[in-house]
Amino acid sequence: MSAGGGLRPQVPRLVTPSVRSQSAAAKPTDTAAIQAVLSTPRANTYISAAGGDTAQAMALYGWNARIAAALMLPSHFAEISTRNAVDEAITAVYGPKWPWNQTFQQSLPSPKGHIYNPQRDLIQTRSREQTTGKVVAELKLSFWQAMFTARHDERIWHHQILSLFPNTAGKTAKELRKQVRDDLEVIRKLRNRIAHHEPIFARDLSDDLARMLDLVELRSTATAQWVRQMEEASTILTQRP
């Protein structure tokens, strides 16, 4: 299901034989030695999921690592396409030097404590970089997600979001803005788990992948088709041990 409640289309993709052969060749031989390298607490997560079968657990560990790596490609395109859309939207309102625009800065939330602070992220990033392009590249994914909140509707989204994300299936500006924010939240949490090498096998990874592809599709059908041809995650999902 999509974030907006509709069925996500199953788009055919090209399957390369290298993915299948890699999977067939990647068989753990000495599971005890592998388990010792991984550490008992880490291995136990997979052993428990495999019902105590250590060989099955190590195969699951390898598959988890492979699918985590494969998901980074569609995640990359989802983030790049979305943040570039936000950059366009902000530029239209605040100009090409928007990272240094005080009015824009003050429009950002600045919560206290240890939670993510978009205003602080912008200030710290622009202090290290000299061009808008560099700032865009260095801002956290959380920054772009935070731009898809209701506080920016009047200034930025109500008159721009439907043109920046043209493949919207009839959604209103508010519905689309919320969908993008929700998809980015799911992707951000998944990427954090991948970055910390945490298990992701218990997630609905098919939905995670669909959200990434959907975000690219919202911006550009041609780009989404290209990503679908390149990504290997959908094939690896079928190879779970």
C-alpha atoms as a PDB file:
ATOM      1  CA  MET A   1       0.000   0.000   0.000  1.00  0.00           C
ATOM      2  CA  SER A   2       1.178   3.522  -0.660  1.00  0.00           C
ATOM      3  CA  ALA A   3       1.383   6.199   2.018  1.00  0.00           C
ATOM      4  CA  GLY A   4      -1.750   7.697   0.503  1.00  0.00           C
ATOM      5  CA  GLY A   5      -3.632   4.402   0.818  1.00  0.00           C
ATOM      6  CA  GLY A   6      -3.498   3.245  -2.821  1.00  0.00           C
ATOM      7  CA  LEU A   7      -1.933   0.116  -4.217  1.00  0.00           C
ATOM      8  CA  ARG A   8       1.668   0.569  -5.295  1.00  0.00           C
ATOM      9  CA  PRO A   9       2.112  -0.619  -8.897  1.00  0.00           C
ATOM     10  CA  GLN A  10       4.375  -3.590  -9.491  1.00  0.00           C
ATOM     11  CA  VAL A  11       6.695  -2.450 -12.251  1.00  0.00           C
ATOM     12  CA  PRO A  12       8.710  -5.089 -14.138  1.00  0.00           C
ATOM     13  CA  ARG A  13      12.448  -4.675 -14.004  1.00  0.00           C
ATOM     14  CA  LEU A  14      15.499  -6.137 -15.659  1.00  0.00           C
ATOM     15  CA  VAL A  15      17.051  -8.977 -13.647  1.00  0.00           C
ATOM     16  CA  THR A  16      20.767  -9.456 -14.052  1.00  0.00           C
ATOM     17  CA  PRO A  17      22.162 -12.983 -13.728  1.00  0.00           C
ATOM     18  CA  SER A  18      24.996 -11.700 -11.520  1.00  0.00           C
ATOM     19  CA  VAL A  19      22.579 -11.250  -8.612  1.00  0.00           C
ATOM     20  CA  ARG A  20      21.392 -14.857  -8.795  1.00  0.00           C
ATOM     21  CA  SER A  21      24.900 -16.290  -9.160  1.00  0.00           C
ATOM     22  CA  GLN A  22      26.185 -14.213  -6.262  1.00  0.00           C
ATOM     23  CA  SER A  23      23.387 -15.523  -4.063  1.00  0.00           C
ATOM     24  CA  ALA A  24      24.021 -19.130  -5.055  1.00  0.00           C
ATOM     25  CA  ALA A  25      27.743 -18.820  -4.317  1.00  0.00           C
ATOM     26  CA  ALA A  26      27.379 -17.097  -0.948  1.00  0.00           C
ATOM     27  CA  LYS A  27      27.019 -20.168   1.285  1.00  0.00           C
ATOM     28  CA  PRO A  28      28.445 -19.986   4.833  1.00  0.00           C
ATOM     29  CA  THR A  29      30.800 -22.911   5.409  1.00  0.00           C
ATOM     30  CA  ASP A  30      32.261 -22.608   8.923  1.00  0.00           C
ATOM     31  CA  THR A  31      29.319 -21.087  10.789  1.00  0.00           C
ATOM     32  CA  ALA A  32      31.073 -21.305  14.166  1.00  0.00           C
ATOM     33  CA  ALA A  33      34.000 -19.205  12.932  1.00  0.00           C
ATOM     34  CA  ILE A  34      31.659 -16.678  11.332  1.00  0.00           C
ATOM     35  CA  GLN A  35      29.570 -16.461  14.489  1.00  0.00           C
ATOM     36  CA  ALA A  36      32.697 -15.774  16.557  1.00  0.00           C
ATOM     37  CA  VAL A  37      33.687 -12.904  14.276  1.00  0.00           C
ATOM     38  CA  LEU A  38      30.225 -11.345  14.359  1.00  0.00           C
ATOM     39  CA  SER A  39      29.962 -11.551  18.184  1.00  0.00           C
ATOM     40  CA  THR A  40      27.479 -13.668  20.097  1.00  0.00           C
ATOM     41  CA  PRO A  41      24.909 -10.934  20.838  1.00  0.00           C
ATOM     42  CA  ARG A  42      24.762  -9.904  17.170  1.00  0.00           C
ATOM     43  CA  ALA A  43      24.599 -13.501  15.937  1.00  0.00           C
ATOM     44  CA  ASN A  44      21.934 -14.415  18.486  1.00  0.00           C
ATOM     45  CA  THR A  45      19.437 -12.051  16.850  1.00  0.00           C
ATOM     46  CA  TYR A  46      19.668 -14.097  13.677  1.00  0.00           C
ATOM     47  CA  ILE A  47      19.880 -17.469  15.428  1.00  0.00           C
ATOM     48  CA  SER A  48      16.659 -16.664  17.246  1.00  0.00           C
ATOM     49  CA  ALA A  49      14.970 -15.652  13.988  1.00  0.00           C
ATOM     50  CA  ALA A  50      16.165 -18.911  12.405  1.00  0.00           C
ATOM     51  CA  GLY A  51      14.743 -21.039  15.209  1.00  0.00           C
ATOM     52  CA  GLY A  52      18.170 -22.021  16.525  1.00  0.00           C
ATOM     53  CA  ASP A  53      19.585 -23.159  13.182  1.00  0.00           C
ATOM     54  CA  THR A  54      23.023 -21.512  13.052  1.00  0.00           C
ATOM     55  CA  ALA A  55      23.621 -22.238   9.371  1.00  0.00           C
ATOM     56  CA  GLN A  56      20.278 -20.698   8.499  1.00  0.00           C
ATOM     57  CA  ALA A  57      21.052 -17.785  10.816  1.00  0.00           C
ATOM     58  CA  MET A  58      24.357 -17.004   9.074  1.00  0.00           C
ATOM     59  CA  ALA A  59      22.646 -17.221   5.689  1.00  0.00           C
ATOM     60  CA  LEU A  60      20.043 -14.758   6.962  1.00  0.00           C
ATOM     61  CA  TYR A  61      22.820 -12.474   8.223  1.00  0.00           C
ATOM     62  CA  GLY A  62      24.452 -12.469   4.795  1.00  0.00           C
ATOM     63  CA  TRP A  63      21.133 -11.805   3.100  1.00  0.00           C
ATOM     64  CA  ASN A  64      20.416  -8.943   5.527  1.00  0.00           C
ATOM     65  CA  ALA A  65      23.753  -7.353   4.605  1.00  0.00           C
ATOM     66  CA  ARG A  66      23.104  -7.786   0.883  1.00  0.00           C
ATOM     67  CA  ILE A  67      19.613  -6.299   0.948  1.00  0.00           C
ATOM     68  CA  ALA A  68      20.844  -3.418   3.117  1.00  0.00           C
ATOM     69  CA  ALA A  69      23.504  -2.588   0.538  1.00  0.00           C
ATOM     70  CA  ALA A  70      21.070  -2.959  -2.360  1.00  0.00           C
ATOM     71  CA  LEU A  71      18.538  -0.579  -0.813  1.00  0.00           C
ATOM     72  CA  MET A  72      21.075   2.233  -0.762  1.00  0.00           C
ATOM     73  CA  LEU A  73      20.799   2.783  -4.525  1.00  0.00           C
ATOM     74  CA  PRO A  74      17.054   3.573  -4.623  1.00  0.00           C
ATOM     75  CA  SER A  75      17.450   5.436  -1.329  1.00  0.00           C
ATOM     76  CA  HIS A  76      20.106   7.602  -2.964  1.00  0.00           C
ATOM     77  CA  PHE A  77      17.807   8.589  -5.820  1.00  0.00           C
ATOM     78  CA  ALA A  78      14.853   9.155  -3.493  1.00  0.00           C
ATOM     79  CA  GLU A  79      16.863  11.607  -1.391  1.00  0.00           C
ATOM     80  CA  ILE A  80      18.527  13.404  -4.296  1.00  0.00           C
ATOM     81  CA  SER A  81      15.303  13.881  -6.246  1.00  0.00           C
ATOM     82  CA  THR A  82      13.418  15.077  -3.175  1.00  0.00           C
ATOM     83  CA  ARG A  83      16.036  17.460  -1.828  1.00  0.00           C
ATOM     84  CA  ASN A  84      16.499  19.016  -5.267  1.00  0.00           C
ATOM     85  CA  ALA A  85      12.750  19.632  -5.392  1.00  0.00           C
ATOM     86  CA  VAL A  86      12.923  21.341  -2.000  1.00  0.00           C
ATOM     87  CA  ASP A  87      15.888  23.417  -3.162  1.00  0.00           C
ATOM     88  CA  GLU A  88      13.863  24.578  -6.178  1.00  0.00           C
ATOM     89  CA  ALA A  89      10.876  25.422  -3.999  1.00  0.00           C
ATOM     90  CA  ILE A  90      12.881  27.409  -1.449  1.00  0.00           C
ATOM     91  CA  THR A  91      14.825  29.202  -4.189  1.00  0.00           C
ATOM     92  CA  ALA A  92      11.574  30.357  -5.797  1.00  0.00           C
ATOM     93  CA  VAL A  93      10.551  32.040  -2.536  1.00  0.00           C
ATOM     94  CA  TYR A  94      13.815  33.135  -0.909  1.00  0.00           C
ATOM     95  CA  GLY A  95      16.263  33.338  -3.821  1.00  0.00           C
ATOM     96  CA  PRO A  96      19.329  31.299  -4.821  1.00  0.00           C
ATOM     97  CA  LYS A  97      21.219  32.249  -1.646  1.00  0.00           C
ATOM     98  CA  TRP A  98      18.455  30.966   0.608  1.00  0.00           C
ATOM     99  CA  PRO A  99      20.774  29.262   3.121  1.00  0.00           C
ATOM    100  CA  TRP A 100      21.900  32.753   4.185  1.00  0.00           C
ATOM    101  CA  ASN A 101      18.444  34.338   4.087  1.00  0.00           C
ATOM    102  CA  GLN A 102      17.487  35.374   7.623  1.00  0.00           C
ATOM    103  CA  THR A 103      13.759  35.266   6.932  1.00  0.00           C
ATOM    104  CA  PHE A 104      14.037  31.662   5.783  1.00  0.00           C
ATOM    105  CA  GLN A 105      16.242  30.805   8.747  1.00  0.00           C
ATOM    106  CA  GLN A 106      13.660  32.182  11.149  1.00  0.00           C
ATOM    107  CA  SER A 107      10.919  30.162   9.442  1.00  0.00           C
ATOM    108  CA  LEU A 108      12.620  26.956  10.565  1.00  0.00           C
ATOM    109  CA  PRO A 109      11.841  25.322  13.910  1.00  0.00           C
ATOM    110  CA  SER A 110      14.546  25.517  16.565  1.00  0.00           C
ATOM    111  CA  PRO A 111      13.599  23.076  19.331  1.00  0.00           C
ATOM    112  CA  LYS A 112      15.607  22.834  22.527  1.00  0.00           C
ATOM    113  CA  GLY A 113      17.360  19.758  23.809  1.00  0.00           C
ATOM    114  CA  HIS A 114      18.849  16.848  21.920  1.00  0.00           C
ATOM    115  CA  ILE A 115      16.211  16.415  19.224  1.00  0.00           C
ATOM    116  CA  TYR A 116      16.974  17.379  15.641  1.00  0.00           C
ATOM    117  CA  ASN A 117      17.069  21.151  15.125  1.00  0.00           C
ATOM    118  CA  PRO A 118      16.667  22.242  11.461  1.00  0.00           C
ATOM    119  CA  GLN A 119      17.686  25.842  12.150  1.00  0.00           C
ATOM    120  CA  ARG A 120      20.865  24.767  13.893  1.00  0.00           C
ATOM    121  CA  ASP A 121      21.670  22.294  11.115  1.00  0.00           C
ATOM    122  CA  LEU A 122      21.340  25.058   8.509  1.00  0.00           C
ATOM    123  CA  ILE A 123      23.470  27.539  10.465  1.00  0.00           C
ATOM    124  CA  GLN A 124      26.230  25.021  11.128  1.00  0.00           C
ATOM    125  CA  THR A 125      26.260  23.725   7.559  1.00  0.00           C
ATOM    126  CA  ARG A 126      26.371  27.143   5.886  1.00  0.00           C
ATOM    127  CA  SER A 127      29.226  28.184   8.182  1.00  0.00           C
ATOM    128  CA  ARG A 128      31.362  25.439   6.615  1.00  0.00           C
ATOM    129  CA  GLU A 129      30.271  25.861   2.989  1.00  0.00           C
ATOM    130  CA  GLN A 130      30.352  28.799   0.588  1.00  0.00           C
ATOM    131  CA  THR A 131      27.790  27.850  -2.059  1.00  0.00           C
ATOM    132  CA  THR A 132      24.152  26.844  -1.963  1.00  0.00           C
ATOM    133  CA  GLY A 133      24.966  23.629  -3.825  1.00  0.00           C
ATOM    134  CA  LYS A 134      27.431  22.580  -1.136  1.00  0.00           C
ATOM    135  CA  VAL A 135      24.941  23.388   1.617  1.00  0.00           C
ATOM    136  CA  VAL A 136      22.261  21.330  -0.129  1.00  0.00           C
ATOM    137  CA  ALA A 137      24.648  18.384  -0.397  1.00  0.00           C
ATOM    138  CA  GLU A 138      25.634  18.536   3.283  1.00  0.00           C
ATOM    139  CA  LEU A 139      22.290  19.107   5.018  1.00  0.00           C
ATOM    140  CA  LYS A 140      20.892  16.030   6.744  1.00  0.00           C
ATOM    141  CA  LEU A 141      17.979  14.048   5.356  1.00  0.00           C
ATOM    142  CA  SER A 142      16.099  15.163   8.472  1.00  0.00           C
ATOM    143  CA  PHE A 143      16.321  18.750   7.208  1.00  0.00           C
ATOM    144  CA  TRP A 144      14.553  17.913   3.960  1.00  0.00           C
ATOM    145  CA  GLN A 145      11.949  15.873   5.799  1.00  0.00           C
ATOM    146  CA  ALA A 146      11.323  18.793   8.172  1.00  0.00           C
ATOM    147  CA  MET A 147      10.531  21.002   5.191  1.00  0.00           C
ATOM    148  CA  PHE A 148       7.429  18.894   4.499  1.00  0.00           C
ATOM    149  CA  THR A 149       5.478  20.108   7.529  1.00  0.00           C
ATOM    150  CA  ALA A 150       2.384  22.298   7.662  1.00  0.00           C
ATOM    151  CA  ARG A 151       4.372  25.345   8.802  1.00  0.00           C
ATOM    152  CA  HIS A 152       5.722  25.721   5.248  1.00  0.00           C
ATOM    153  CA  ASP A 153       2.404  25.214   3.435  1.00  0.00           C
ATOM    154  CA  GLU A 154       1.496  28.852   2.825  1.00  0.00           C
ATOM    155  CA  ARG A 155       4.971  30.146   2.020  1.00  0.00           C
ATOM    156  CA  ILE A 156       6.295  27.250  -0.042  1.00  0.00           C
ATOM    157  CA  TRP A 157       4.096  24.265  -0.790  1.00  0.00           C
ATOM    158  CA  HIS A 158       0.515  25.243  -1.607  1.00  0.00           C
ATOM    159  CA  HIS A 159       1.486  26.938  -4.867  1.00  0.00           C
ATOM    160  CA  GLN A 160       4.486  24.782  -5.862  1.00  0.00           C
ATOM    161  CA  ILE A 161       4.343  21.184  -4.707  1.00  0.00           C
ATOM    162  CA  LEU A 162       2.015  19.862  -7.418  1.00  0.00           C
ATOM    163  CA  SER A 163       4.280  21.196 -10.164  1.00  0.00           C
ATOM    164  CA  LEU A 164       7.471  19.963  -8.496  1.00  0.00           C
ATOM    165  CA  PHE A 165       5.978  16.493  -7.976  1.00  0.00           C
ATOM    166  CA  PRO A 166       3.735  16.219 -11.049  1.00  0.00           C
ATOM    167  CA  ASN A 167       2.935  12.485 -10.911  1.00  0.00           C
ATOM    168  CA  THR A 168       0.566  12.758  -7.971  1.00  0.00           C
ATOM    169  CA  ALA A 169      -2.482  10.644  -8.903  1.00  0.00           C
ATOM    170  CA  GLY A 170      -4.926  13.427  -8.049  1.00  0.00           C
ATOM    171  CA  LYS A 171      -3.711  14.259  -4.543  1.00  0.00           C
ATOM    172  CA  THR A 172      -4.167  17.711  -3.053  1.00  0.00           C
ATOM    173  CA  ALA A 173      -1.114  19.776  -2.142  1.00  0.00           C
ATOM    174  CA  LYS A 174      -1.608  18.971   1.534  1.00  0.00           C
ATOM    175  CA  GLU A 175      -2.054  15.240   0.920  1.00  0.00           C
ATOM    176  CA  LEU A 176       1.045  15.118  -1.259  1.00  0.00           C
ATOM    177  CA  ARG A 177       3.141  17.067   1.203  1.00  0.00           C
ATOM    178  CA  LYS A 178       2.140  14.670   3.983  1.00  0.00           C
ATOM    179  CA  GLN A 179       2.856  11.619   1.822  1.00  0.00           C
ATOM    180  CA  VAL A 180       6.358  12.834   1.012  1.00  0.00           C
ATOM    181  CA  ARG A 181       7.034  13.572   4.668  1.00  0.00           C
ATOM    182  CA  ASP A 182       5.781  10.147   5.762  1.00  0.00           C
ATOM    183  CA  ASP A 183       7.831   8.355   3.107  1.00  0.00           C
ATOM    184  CA  LEU A 184      10.957  10.276   4.092  1.00  0.00           C
ATOM    185  CA  GLU A 185      10.382   9.331   7.731  1.00  0.00           C
ATOM    186  CA  VAL A 186      10.281   5.633   6.861  1.00  0.00           C
ATOM    187  CA  ILE A 187      13.342   5.903   4.616  1.00  0.00           C
ATOM    188  CA  ARG A 188      15.292   7.911   7.186  1.00  0.00           C
ATOM    189  CA  LYS A 189      14.693   5.349   9.930  1.00  0.00           C
ATOM    190  CA  LEU A 190      15.634   2.501   7.611  1.00  0.00           C
ATOM    191  CA  ARG A 191      18.847   4.227   6.558  1.00  0.00           C
ATOM    192  CA  ASN A 192      19.786   4.825  10.173  1.00  0.00           C
ATOM    193  CA  ARG A 193      19.468   1.098  10.846  1.00  0.00           C
ATOM    194  CA  ILE A 194      21.522   0.289   7.767  1.00  0.00           C
ATOM    195  CA  ALA A 195      24.208   2.826   8.733  1.00  0.00           C
ATOM    196  CA  HIS A 196      24.541   1.188  12.153  1.00  0.00           C
ATOM    197  CA  HIS A 197      24.570  -2.329  10.646  1.00  0.00           C
ATOM    198  CA  GLU A 198      21.416  -3.264  12.506  1.00  0.00           C
ATOM    199  CA  PRO A 199      19.042  -6.047  11.406  1.00  0.00           C
ATOM    200  CA  ILE A 200      16.390  -4.985   8.923  1.00  0.00           C
ATOM    201  CA  PHE A 201      15.057  -8.422   7.953  1.00  0.00           C
ATOM    202  CA  ALA A 202      11.949  -8.053  10.149  1.00  0.00           C
ATOM    203  CA  ARG A 203      10.806  -4.892   8.327  1.00  0.00           C
ATOM    204  CA  ASP A 204       8.417  -4.782   5.397  1.00  0.00           C
ATOM    205  CA  LEU A 205      11.285  -4.161   3.008  1.00  0.00           C
ATOM    206  CA  SER A 206       9.066  -4.417  -0.057  1.00  0.00           C
ATOM    207  CA  ASP A 207       7.138  -1.414   1.244  1.00  0.00           C
ATOM    208  CA  ASP A 208      10.385   0.411   2.058  1.00  0.00           C
ATOM    209  CA  LEU A 209      11.583  -0.116  -1.513  1.00  0.00           C
ATOM    210  CA  ALA A 210       8.216   0.934  -2.931  1.00  0.00           C
ATOM    211  CA  ARG A 211       8.332   4.189  -0.970  1.00  0.00           C
ATOM    212  CA  MET A 212      11.766   4.997  -2.390  1.00  0.00           C
ATOM    213  CA  LEU A 213      10.666   4.292  -5.933  1.00  0.00           C
ATOM    214  CA  ASP A 214       7.432   6.221  -5.400  1.00  0.00           C
ATOM    215  CA  LEU A 215       9.340   9.338  -4.343  1.00  0.00           C
ATOM    216  CA  VAL A 216      11.426   9.219  -7.499  1.00  0.00           C
ATOM    217  CA  GLU A 217       8.294   8.546  -9.580  1.00  0.00           C
ATOM    218  CA  LEU A 218       6.555  11.596  -8.115  1.00  0.00           C
ATOM    219  CA  ARG A 219       9.318  13.746  -9.564  1.00  0.00           C
ATOM    220  CA  SER A 220      10.132  11.964 -12.812  1.00  0.00           C
ATOM    221  CA  THR A 221       8.765   8.868 -14.510  1.00  0.00           C
ATOM    222  CA  ALA A 222      11.861   8.578 -16.695  1.00  0.00           C
ATOM    223  CA  THR A 223      14.175   8.664 -13.681  1.00  0.00           C
ATOM    224  CA  ALA A 224      12.044   6.125 -11.826  1.00  0.00           C
ATOM    225  CA  GLN A 225      12.163   3.740 -14.795  1.00  0.00           C
ATOM    226  CA  TRP A 226      15.956   4.057 -14.890  1.00  0.00           C
ATOM    227  CA  VAL A 227      16.251   3.354 -11.162  1.00  0.00           C
ATOM    228  CA  ARG A 228      13.982   0.304 -11.495  1.00  0.00           C
ATOM    229  CA  GLN A 229      16.253  -1.049 -14.215  1.00  0.00           C
ATOM    230  CA  MET A 230      19.350  -0.586 -12.051  1.00  0.00           C
ATOM    231  CA  GLU A 231      18.182  -1.598  -8.593  1.00  0.00           C
ATOM    232  CA  GLU A 232      18.779  -5.166  -7.405  1.00  0.00           C
ATOM    233  CA  ALA A 233      16.867  -4.975  -4.130  1.00  0.00           C
ATOM    234  CA  SER A 234      13.643  -6.362  -5.610  1.00  0.00           C
ATOM    235  CA  THR A 235      15.502  -9.464  -6.796  1.00  0.00           C
ATOM    236  CA  ILE A 236      17.373  -9.938  -3.528  1.00  0.00           C
ATOM    237  CA  LEU A 237      14.077  -9.703  -1.643  1.00  0.00           C
ATOM    238  CA  THR A 238      12.994 -12.914  -3.387  1.00  0.00           C
ATOM    239  CA  GLN A 239      16.175 -14.703  -2.276  1.00  0.00           C
ATOM    240  CA  ARG A 240      15.676 -14.506   1.476  1.00  0.00           C
ATOM    241  CA  PRO A 241      16.869 -17.765   3.053  1.00  0.00           C
END
